[in-house]
PDB file of N, CA and C in Angstrom:
ATOM      1  N   MET A   1     -23.285  -0.192 -11.534  1.00  0.00           N
ATOM      2  CA  MET A   1     -22.737  -1.054 -10.512  1.00  0.00           C
ATOM      3  C   MET A   1     -23.464  -0.814  -9.196  1.00  0.00           C
ATOM      4  N   THR A   2     -23.804  -1.895  -8.546  1.00  0.00           N
ATOM      5  CA  THR A   2     -24.527  -1.828  -7.287  1.00  0.00           C
ATOM      6  C   THR A   2     -23.664  -2.386  -6.159  1.00  0.00           C
ATOM      7  N   SER A   3     -23.603  -1.655  -5.057  1.00  0.00           N
ATOM      8  CA  SER A   3     -22.852  -2.122  -3.896  1.00  0.00           C
ATOM      9  C   SER A   3     -23.619  -3.251  -3.218  1.00  0.00           C
ATOM     10  N   ILE A   4     -22.915  -4.367  -2.953  1.00  0.00           N
ATOM     11  CA  ILE A   4     -23.572  -5.488  -2.274  1.00  0.00           C
ATOM     12  C   ILE A   4     -23.022  -5.710  -0.861  1.00  0.00           C
ATOM     13  N   GLY A   5     -22.076  -4.881  -0.452  1.00  0.00           N
ATOM     14  CA  GLY A   5     -21.546  -4.994   0.900  1.00  0.00           C
ATOM     15  C   GLY A   5     -20.137  -4.450   1.012  1.00  0.00           C
ATOM     16  N   THR A   6     -19.588  -4.542   2.207  1.00  0.00           N
ATOM     17  CA  THR A   6     -18.216  -4.115   2.452  1.00  0.00           C
ATOM     18  C   THR A   6     -17.478  -5.190   3.240  1.00  0.00           C
ATOM     19  N   ILE A   7     -16.167  -5.213   3.062  1.00  0.00           N
ATOM     20  CA  ILE A   7     -15.322  -6.117   3.841  1.00  0.00           C
ATOM     21  C   ILE A   7     -14.131  -5.327   4.368  1.00  0.00           C
ATOM     22  N   ILE A   8     -13.590  -5.760   5.480  1.00  0.00           N
ATOM     23  CA  ILE A   8     -12.357  -5.196   6.014  1.00  0.00           C
ATOM     24  C   ILE A   8     -11.298  -6.286   5.917  1.00  0.00           C
ATOM     25  N   LYS A   9     -10.202  -5.984   5.237  1.00  0.00           N
ATOM     26  CA  LYS A   9      -9.146  -6.969   5.008  1.00  0.00           C
ATOM     27  C   LYS A   9      -7.827  -6.414   5.525  1.00  0.00           C
ATOM     28  N   GLU A  10      -7.237  -7.081   6.498  1.00  0.00           N
ATOM     29  CA  GLU A  10      -5.956  -6.640   7.033  1.00  0.00           C
ATOM     30  C   GLU A  10      -4.856  -6.879   6.009  1.00  0.00           C
ATOM     31  N   ILE A  11      -4.061  -5.858   5.787  1.00  0.00           N
ATOM     32  CA  ILE A  11      -2.902  -5.953   4.900  1.00  0.00           C
ATOM     33  C   ILE A  11      -1.676  -5.699   5.763  1.00  0.00           C
ATOM     34  N   ILE A  12      -0.695  -6.589   5.692  1.00  0.00           N
ATOM     35  CA  ILE A  12       0.524  -6.446   6.483  1.00  0.00           C
ATOM     36  C   ILE A  12       1.710  -6.322   5.536  1.00  0.00           C
ATOM     37  N   ILE A  13       2.457  -5.235   5.683  1.00  0.00           N
ATOM     38  CA  ILE A  13       3.708  -5.078   4.947  1.00  0.00           C
ATOM     39  C   ILE A  13       4.813  -5.396   5.950  1.00  0.00           C
ATOM     40  N   PRO A  14       5.483  -6.540   5.784  1.00  0.00           N
ATOM     41  CA  PRO A  14       6.448  -6.977   6.799  1.00  0.00           C
ATOM     42  C   PRO A  14       7.770  -6.214   6.750  1.00  0.00           C
ATOM     43  N   HIS A  15       8.342  -6.016   7.918  1.00  0.00           N
ATOM     44  CA  HIS A  15       9.670  -5.434   8.034  1.00  0.00           C
ATOM     45  C   HIS A  15      10.253  -5.859   9.369  1.00  0.00           C
ATOM     46  N   ARG A  16      11.543  -6.085   9.414  1.00  0.00           N
ATOM     47  CA  ARG A  16      12.176  -6.588  10.637  1.00  0.00           C
ATOM     48  C   ARG A  16      12.119  -5.584  11.787  1.00  0.00           C
ATOM     49  N   LYS A  17      11.941  -4.301  11.499  1.00  0.00           N
ATOM     50  CA  LYS A  17      11.870  -3.291  12.563  1.00  0.00           C
ATOM     51  C   LYS A  17      10.440  -2.943  12.941  1.00  0.00           C
ATOM     52  N   GLY A  18       9.489  -3.635  12.376  1.00  0.00           N
ATOM     53  CA  GLY A  18       8.087  -3.369  12.703  1.00  0.00           C
ATOM     54  C   GLY A  18       7.223  -3.387  11.461  1.00  0.00           C
ATOM     55  N   ASN A  19       6.201  -4.194  11.480  1.00  0.00           N
ATOM     56  CA  ASN A  19       5.315  -4.317  10.329  1.00  0.00           C
ATOM     57  C   ASN A  19       4.394  -3.114  10.216  1.00  0.00           C
ATOM     58  N   ILE A  20       3.978  -2.836   8.991  1.00  0.00           N
ATOM     59  CA  ILE A  20       2.931  -1.852   8.751  1.00  0.00           C
ATOM     60  C   ILE A  20       1.645  -2.637   8.597  1.00  0.00           C
ATOM     61  N   ARG A  21       0.671  -2.358   9.443  1.00  0.00           N
ATOM     62  CA  ARG A  21      -0.622  -3.048   9.385  1.00  0.00           C
ATOM     63  C   ARG A  21      -1.682  -2.062   8.927  1.00  0.00           C
ATOM     64  N   LEU A  22      -2.332  -2.404   7.838  1.00  0.00           N
ATOM     65  CA  LEU A  22      -3.425  -1.598   7.303  1.00  0.00           C
ATOM     66  C   LEU A  22      -4.721  -2.376   7.466  1.00  0.00           C
ATOM     67  N   ASN A  23      -5.799  -1.699   7.759  1.00  0.00           N
ATOM     68  CA  ASN A  23      -7.118  -2.323   7.872  1.00  0.00           C
ATOM     69  C   ASN A  23      -8.118  -1.593   6.978  1.00  0.00           C
ATOM     70  N   PRO A  24      -7.893  -1.598   5.668  1.00  0.00           N
ATOM     71  CA  PRO A  24      -8.806  -0.870   4.780  1.00  0.00           C
ATOM     72  C   PRO A  24     -10.151  -1.571   4.640  1.00  0.00           C
ATOM     73  N   GLU A  25     -11.162  -0.771   4.375  1.00  0.00           N
ATOM     74  CA  GLU A  25     -12.515  -1.276   4.134  1.00  0.00           C
ATOM     75  C   GLU A  25     -12.773  -1.205   2.633  1.00  0.00           C
ATOM     76  N   PHE A  26     -13.165  -2.321   2.046  1.00  0.00           N
ATOM     77  CA  PHE A  26     -13.416  -2.385   0.609  1.00  0.00           C
ATOM     78  C   PHE A  26     -14.908  -2.527   0.347  1.00  0.00           C
ATOM     79  N   VAL A  27     -15.387  -1.834  -0.670  1.00  0.00           N
ATOM     80  CA  VAL A  27     -16.783  -1.941  -1.090  1.00  0.00           C
ATOM     81  C   VAL A  27     -16.857  -2.999  -2.181  1.00  0.00           C
ATOM     82  N   VAL A  28     -17.740  -3.976  -2.012  1.00  0.00           N
ATOM     83  CA  VAL A  28     -17.931  -5.045  -2.998  1.00  0.00           C
ATOM     84  C   VAL A  28     -19.067  -4.629  -3.928  1.00  0.00           C
ATOM     85  N   LEU A  29     -18.784  -4.644  -5.234  1.00  0.00           N
ATOM     86  CA  LEU A  29     -19.766  -4.232  -6.231  1.00  0.00           C
ATOM     87  C   LEU A  29     -20.274  -5.434  -7.004  1.00  0.00           C
ATOM     88  N   ASP A  30     -21.541  -5.419  -7.320  1.00  0.00           N
ATOM     89  CA  ASP A  30     -22.159  -6.466  -8.123  1.00  0.00           C
ATOM     90  C   ASP A  30     -21.613  -6.383  -9.548  1.00  0.00           C
ATOM     91  N   ASP A  31     -21.226  -7.508 -10.116  1.00  0.00           N
ATOM     92  CA  ASP A  31     -20.710  -7.601 -11.488  1.00  0.00           C
ATOM     93  C   ASP A  31     -19.433  -6.801 -11.719  1.00  0.00           C
ATOM     94  N   ALA A  32     -18.621  -6.615 -10.699  1.00  0.00           N
ATOM     95  CA  ALA A  32     -17.351  -5.912 -10.862  1.00  0.00           C
ATOM     96  C   ALA A  32     -16.216  -6.915 -10.704  1.00  0.00           C
ATOM     97  N   HIS A  33     -15.339  -6.942 -11.673  1.00  0.00           N
ATOM     98  CA  HIS A  33     -14.168  -7.819 -11.631  1.00  0.00           C
ATOM     99  C   HIS A  33     -12.934  -6.933 -11.549  1.00  0.00           C
ATOM    100  N   ILE A  34     -12.077  -7.194 -10.578  1.00  0.00           N
ATOM    101  CA  ILE A  34     -10.903  -6.355 -10.386  1.00  0.00           C
ATOM    102  C   ILE A  34      -9.626  -7.169 -10.501  1.00  0.00           C
ATOM    103  N   GLN A  35      -8.551  -6.471 -10.771  1.00  0.00           N
ATOM    104  CA  GLN A  35      -7.227  -7.089 -10.783  1.00  0.00           C
ATOM    105  C   GLN A  35      -6.350  -6.513  -9.679  1.00  0.00           C
ATOM    106  N   GLY A  36      -6.863  -5.557  -8.955  1.00  0.00           N
ATOM    107  CA  GLY A  36      -6.100  -4.929  -7.885  1.00  0.00           C
ATOM    108  C   GLY A  36      -7.014  -4.045  -7.072  1.00  0.00           C
ATOM    109  N   PHE A  37      -6.434  -3.231  -6.215  1.00  0.00           N
ATOM    110  CA  PHE A  37      -7.229  -2.320  -5.402  1.00  0.00           C
ATOM    111  C   PHE A  37      -6.444  -1.043  -5.189  1.00  0.00           C
ATOM    112  N   LEU A  38      -7.148  -0.010  -4.802  1.00  0.00           N
ATOM    113  CA  LEU A  38      -6.541   1.289  -4.526  1.00  0.00           C
ATOM    114  C   LEU A  38      -6.755   1.643  -3.062  1.00  0.00           C
ATOM    115  N   LEU A  39      -5.743   2.190  -2.445  1.00  0.00           N
ATOM    116  CA  LEU A  39      -5.887   2.705  -1.086  1.00  0.00           C
ATOM    117  C   LEU A  39      -6.014   4.217  -1.167  1.00  0.00           C
ATOM    118  N   GLY A  40      -6.929   4.777  -0.405  1.00  0.00           N
ATOM    119  CA  GLY A  40      -7.127   6.224  -0.389  1.00  0.00           C
ATOM    120  C   GLY A  40      -5.931   6.954   0.186  1.00  0.00           C
ATOM    121  N   THR A  41      -5.855   8.241  -0.102  1.00  0.00           N
ATOM    122  CA  THR A  41      -4.718   9.023   0.373  1.00  0.00           C
ATOM    123  C   THR A  41      -4.665   9.128   1.889  1.00  0.00           C
ATOM    124  N   ASP A  42      -5.810   8.991   2.571  1.00  0.00           N
ATOM    125  CA  ASP A  42      -5.779   9.032   4.034  1.00  0.00           C
ATOM    126  C   ASP A  42      -4.984   7.863   4.594  1.00  0.00           C
ATOM    127  N   TYR A  43      -5.161   6.661   4.034  1.00  0.00           N
ATOM    128  CA  TYR A  43      -4.370   5.502   4.464  1.00  0.00           C
ATOM    129  C   TYR A  43      -2.904   5.688   4.099  1.00  0.00           C
ATOM    130  N   GLN A  44      -2.653   6.188   2.903  1.00  0.00           N
ATOM    131  CA  GLN A  44      -1.273   6.351   2.466  1.00  0.00           C
ATOM    132  C   GLN A  44      -0.525   7.344   3.349  1.00  0.00           C
ATOM    133  N   ARG A  45      -1.125   8.470   3.647  1.00  0.00           N
ATOM    134  CA  ARG A  45      -0.478   9.471   4.499  1.00  0.00           C
ATOM    135  C   ARG A  45      -0.293   8.961   5.924  1.00  0.00           C
ATOM    136  N   MET A  46      -1.280   8.237   6.441  1.00  0.00           N
ATOM    137  CA  MET A  46      -1.214   7.731   7.811  1.00  0.00           C
ATOM    138  C   MET A  46      -0.031   6.781   8.005  1.00  0.00           C
ATOM    139  N   TYR A  47       0.316   6.028   6.978  1.00  0.00           N
ATOM    140  CA  TYR A  47       1.370   5.023   7.099  1.00  0.00           C
ATOM    141  C   TYR A  47       2.669   5.421   6.404  1.00  0.00           C
ATOM    142  N   GLY A  48       2.834   6.703   6.100  1.00  0.00           N
ATOM    143  CA  GLY A  48       4.107   7.189   5.591  1.00  0.00           C
ATOM    144  C   GLY A  48       4.338   6.964   4.117  1.00  0.00           C
ATOM    145  N   ILE A  49       3.292   6.680   3.352  1.00  0.00           N
ATOM    146  CA  ILE A  49       3.451   6.508   1.910  1.00  0.00           C
ATOM    147  C   ILE A  49       3.403   7.885   1.266  1.00  0.00           C
ATOM    148  N   ASP A  50       4.391   8.187   0.448  1.00  0.00           N
ATOM    149  CA  ASP A  50       4.507   9.492  -0.190  1.00  0.00           C
ATOM    150  C   ASP A  50       3.383   9.677  -1.203  1.00  0.00           C
ATOM    151  N   ILE A  51       2.522  10.678  -1.004  1.00  0.00           N
ATOM    152  CA  ILE A  51       1.413  10.911  -1.935  1.00  0.00           C
ATOM    153  C   ILE A  51       1.644  12.146  -2.793  1.00  0.00           C
ATOM    154  N   TYR A  52       2.762  12.797  -2.614  1.00  0.00           N
ATOM    155  CA  TYR A  52       3.049  14.017  -3.353  1.00  0.00           C
ATOM    156  C   TYR A  52       3.720  13.680  -4.671  1.00  0.00           C
ATOM    157  N   ASN A  53       3.970  14.679  -5.473  1.00  0.00           N
ATOM    158  CA  ASN A  53       4.559  14.452  -6.795  1.00  0.00           C
ATOM    159  C   ASN A  53       6.069  14.316  -6.692  1.00  0.00           C
ATOM    160  N   SER A  54       6.506  13.345  -5.966  1.00  0.00           N
ATOM    161  CA  SER A  54       7.933  13.070  -5.836  1.00  0.00           C
ATOM    162  C   SER A  54       8.425  12.334  -7.074  1.00  0.00           C
ATOM    163  N   LYS A  55       9.718  12.159  -7.134  1.00  0.00           N
ATOM    164  CA  LYS A  55      10.291  11.433  -8.263  1.00  0.00           C
ATOM    165  C   LYS A  55       9.788   9.997  -8.289  1.00  0.00           C
ATOM    166  N   ASN A  56       9.740   9.345  -7.132  1.00  0.00           N
ATOM    167  CA  ASN A  56       9.251   7.971  -7.033  1.00  0.00           C
ATOM    168  C   ASN A  56       8.317   7.854  -5.840  1.00  0.00           C
ATOM    169  N   ARG A  57       7.286   7.042  -5.961  1.00  0.00           N
ATOM    170  CA  ARG A  57       6.381   6.775  -4.838  1.00  0.00           C
ATOM    171  C   ARG A  57       7.084   5.796  -3.896  1.00  0.00           C
ATOM    172  N   HIS A  58       7.011   6.071  -2.597  1.00  0.00           N
ATOM    173  CA  HIS A  58       7.746   5.258  -1.634  1.00  0.00           C
ATOM    174  C   HIS A  58       7.017   5.232  -0.299  1.00  0.00           C
ATOM    175  N   ILE A  59       7.485   4.346   0.577  1.00  0.00           N
ATOM    176  CA  ILE A  59       7.035   4.348   1.963  1.00  0.00           C
ATOM    177  C   ILE A  59       8.256   4.487   2.857  1.00  0.00           C
ATOM    178  N   THR A  60       8.016   4.961   4.070  1.00  0.00           N
ATOM    179  CA  THR A  60       9.039   4.962   5.102  1.00  0.00           C
ATOM    180  C   THR A  60       8.482   4.161   6.270  1.00  0.00           C
ATOM    181  N   ILE A  61       9.357   3.625   7.088  1.00  0.00           N
ATOM    182  CA  ILE A  61       8.918   2.829   8.230  1.00  0.00           C
ATOM    183  C   ILE A  61       9.463   3.460   9.499  1.00  0.00           C
ATOM    184  N   GLY A  62       8.583   3.697  10.460  1.00  0.00           N
ATOM    185  CA  GLY A  62       8.997   4.290  11.723  1.00  0.00           C
ATOM    186  C   GLY A  62       9.415   5.739  11.559  1.00  0.00           C
ATOM    187  N   THR A  63      10.387   6.152  12.354  1.00  0.00           N
ATOM    188  CA  THR A  63      10.805   7.554  12.347  1.00  0.00           C
ATOM    189  C   THR A  63      11.953   7.834  11.391  1.00  0.00           C
ATOM    190  N   ASN A  64      12.515   6.818  10.769  1.00  0.00           N
ATOM    191  CA  ASN A  64      13.613   7.008   9.829  1.00  0.00           C
ATOM    192  C   ASN A  64      13.062   7.441   8.478  1.00  0.00           C
ATOM    193  N   LYS A  65      12.987   8.755   8.258  1.00  0.00           N
ATOM    194  CA  LYS A  65      12.437   9.285   7.005  1.00  0.00           C
ATOM    195  C   LYS A  65      13.473   9.296   5.881  1.00  0.00           C
ATOM    196  N   GLU A  66      14.728   9.006   6.221  1.00  0.00           N
ATOM    197  CA  GLU A  66      15.773   8.983   5.202  1.00  0.00           C
ATOM    198  C   GLU A  66      15.757   7.685   4.394  1.00  0.00           C
ATOM    199  N   LYS A  67      15.389   6.566   5.018  1.00  0.00           N
ATOM    200  CA  LYS A  67      15.366   5.280   4.327  1.00  0.00           C
ATOM    201  C   LYS A  67      14.002   5.087   3.690  1.00  0.00           C
ATOM    202  N   LYS A  68      13.972   5.077   2.366  1.00  0.00           N
ATOM    203  CA  LYS A  68      12.720   4.993   1.627  1.00  0.00           C
ATOM    204  C   LYS A  68      12.672   3.682   0.848  1.00  0.00           C
ATOM    205  N   PHE A  69      11.492   3.068   0.812  1.00  0.00           N
ATOM    206  CA  PHE A  69      11.269   1.830   0.086  1.00  0.00           C
ATOM    207  C   PHE A  69      10.364   2.128  -1.095  1.00  0.00           C
ATOM    208  N   SER A  70      10.821   1.811  -2.292  1.00  0.00           N
ATOM    209  CA  SER A  70      10.123   2.183  -3.520  1.00  0.00           C
ATOM    210  C   SER A  70       8.808   1.436  -3.694  1.00  0.00           C
ATOM    211  N   LEU A  71       7.786   2.156  -4.161  1.00  0.00           N
ATOM    212  CA  LEU A  71       6.513   1.574  -4.573  1.00  0.00           C
ATOM    213  C   LEU A  71       6.227   1.963  -6.021  1.00  0.00           C
ATOM    214  N   ASP A  72       7.277   2.221  -6.786  1.00  0.00           N
ATOM    215  CA  ASP A  72       7.124   2.666  -8.171  1.00  0.00           C
ATOM    216  C   ASP A  72       6.405   1.604  -8.986  1.00  0.00           C
ATOM    217  N   ILE A  73       5.266   1.946  -9.554  1.00  0.00           N
ATOM    218  CA  ILE A  73       4.429   0.995 -10.289  1.00  0.00           C
ATOM    219  C   ILE A  73       5.162   0.406 -11.493  1.00  0.00           C
ATOM    220  N   TYR A  74       6.087   1.157 -12.075  1.00  0.00           N
ATOM    221  CA  TYR A  74       6.792   0.661 -13.253  1.00  0.00           C
ATOM    222  C   TYR A  74       7.868  -0.358 -12.904  1.00  0.00           C
ATOM    223  N   GLN A  75       8.216  -0.472 -11.628  1.00  0.00           N
ATOM    224  CA  GLN A  75       9.240  -1.421 -11.208  1.00  0.00           C
ATOM    225  C   GLN A  75       8.664  -2.737 -10.712  1.00  0.00           C
ATOM    226  N   ILE A  76       7.359  -2.820 -10.547  1.00  0.00           N
ATOM    227  CA  ILE A  76       6.770  -4.007  -9.930  1.00  0.00           C
ATOM    228  C   ILE A  76       7.047  -5.275 -10.720  1.00  0.00           C
ATOM    229  N   SER A  77       7.079  -5.188 -12.050  1.00  0.00           N
ATOM    230  CA  SER A  77       7.298  -6.396 -12.838  1.00  0.00           C
ATOM    231  C   SER A  77       8.708  -6.955 -12.652  1.00  0.00           C
ATOM    232  N   THR A  78       9.678  -6.092 -12.361  1.00  0.00           N
ATOM    233  CA  THR A  78      11.050  -6.556 -12.206  1.00  0.00           C
ATOM    234  C   THR A  78      11.574  -6.402 -10.782  1.00  0.00           C
ATOM    235  N   HIS A  79      10.805  -5.736  -9.929  1.00  0.00           N
ATOM    236  CA  HIS A  79      11.283  -5.429  -8.584  1.00  0.00           C
ATOM    237  C   HIS A  79      10.110  -5.517  -7.619  1.00  0.00           C
ATOM    238  N   ASP A  80      10.214  -6.369  -6.641  1.00  0.00           N
ATOM    239  CA  ASP A  80       9.151  -6.530  -5.655  1.00  0.00           C
ATOM    240  C   ASP A  80       9.512  -5.737  -4.404  1.00  0.00           C
ATOM    241  N   PRO A  81       8.752  -4.660  -4.065  1.00  0.00           N
ATOM    242  CA  PRO A  81       9.105  -3.861  -2.893  1.00  0.00           C
ATOM    243  C   PRO A  81       9.046  -4.639  -1.588  1.00  0.00           C
ATOM    244  N   LEU A  82       8.242  -5.697  -1.517  1.00  0.00           N
ATOM    245  CA  LEU A  82       8.192  -6.491  -0.287  1.00  0.00           C
ATOM    246  C   LEU A  82       9.497  -7.235  -0.055  1.00  0.00           C
ATOM    247  N   VAL A  83      10.150  -7.670  -1.131  1.00  0.00           N
ATOM    248  CA  VAL A  83      11.453  -8.322  -0.989  1.00  0.00           C
ATOM    249  C   VAL A  83      12.460  -7.317  -0.444  1.00  0.00           C
ATOM    250  N   GLU A  84      12.398  -6.083  -0.937  1.00  0.00           N
ATOM    251  CA  GLU A  84      13.294  -5.040  -0.448  1.00  0.00           C
ATOM    252  C   GLU A  84      13.043  -4.754   1.030  1.00  0.00           C
ATOM    253  N   LEU A  85      11.783  -4.766   1.449  1.00  0.00           N
ATOM    254  CA  LEU A  85      11.454  -4.510   2.851  1.00  0.00           C
ATOM    255  C   LEU A  85      12.011  -5.581   3.778  1.00  0.00           C
ATOM    256  N   LEU A  86      12.052  -6.815   3.310  1.00  0.00           N
ATOM    257  CA  LEU A  86      12.510  -7.923   4.146  1.00  0.00           C
ATOM    258  C   LEU A  86      14.022  -7.976   4.277  1.00  0.00           C
ATOM    259  N   ASN A  87      14.737  -7.317   3.380  1.00  0.00           N
ATOM    260  CA  ASN A  87      16.209  -7.347   3.409  1.00  0.00           C
ATOM    261  C   ASN A  87      16.771  -6.319   4.348  1.00  0.00           C
TER     262      ASN A  87
END
């Protein structure tokens, strides 16, 4: 695989108390087809996403560390975490 460039794509996770804005840089590869993307642990830690071996992967918003929003990969088909964030 050969790198043909990079792009920066803003990702916004909406919430009524303040959106989480991510500006990750993605490397575009020649002949690579993807179905998703991965964010590095530096982005995850910076925005409060739990990167440790917790029971469930989650994010917190602002200073309220008690309220956690699930990012469990096994729940995505039946549960959309963005819908939970908007409620």
